[in-house]
Amino acid sequence: MKIAHETNPFNGKRPERFIRIMQTNTGFVSPLNPYGLDEDGLERKNPLVVALGDSVTAGHFEFTIPIEELMAGFKNNPFDPSNPVKPDLTHIEIVDARESYIEYFRLKLIEKFEKTSLSIINSGIAGDTIFGMRARLKRDVIRYQPDLVLINGSLNWNNAFGNKGKYKDELRSVIKEVKNDTLADIILLTPNMMCDNPLAGGQITILPELVDAIRELATEEDSCLADTYAIWEEYVHKGFPLSAVLANGINHPSVIGHEVYAISLMKLI
């Protein structure tokens, strides 16, 4: 936590439009609001954030069964749509959206802008990649016309999906579609660090390369960056054990790890 508070994990760009919306939404109708009506001549709507991501965004934590049993189930390849036999993975993890980083972020925003009623839509789906996120972008993000979009989708990518360039192209497409179809500010998030994944079926993670791609895109697409990975790098550099802050021992951060995400986001605000 100390490392998170002492690190400035962003590229200098802030979500200025979103901040203005938070500052000018007092929860009152225009006669009682010093900022009056919005640019469309309507009462100022309550701010809305949409978080696009995977299991971390969705609030998944530790496993509920031994890792050996879980690995045996994954031998049936549950991600293969042509496989008629699916292991029951419904209850393999603790899920608590109340402890996810986006809920912590919401609470911190409400504390800072205490007159504002803020909503966050959680569009995180466990196991998803940037391919799936792009496919469901209109349904899960754009149709809500949010004021701020968080994009956190790199942990499930491995070398079978393509190299850094392929990931970067997919993420860039998501960014451009959000820009074209909404007025939302965008914050790109680098992920938490992860340990070796015994469930990966021999596929190799290229997470450090994806982190570089996210950082590069933040500059190239003039988007905000919450570089959470940099905080985790500093944590490991100081000699602390990575597994101690991973709830499932692989890639799901503990409650403290989610708090670190929220702190990195608030650094931009």
Foldseek 3Di string as FASTA:
>chain_A
DVLLLVDQQKDPDFQVQLVVLLQQCQPDAQVPGPVHPDPVNHGRDFAEEEEAEAQLLQAWAAFPDDPVVVLVQCVQVQVDPVRPDHDPPPRGTDGDNCLHLVVVLVVVSCVVSVSGDYYYHRNYYHLDALVVCLVCVVVRPLVVQHQEYEYEGAPNDFPVVHDLVVSLVSVVSSVVVCVVRHVHAYEYEQAADWDDDPSNVPTGGPSVSNLVSSVVCCVVVVHMYLYLNVSNVVVVVVPDDPQVQGRHSGGHGHSVSSNSSSSSNVSSD
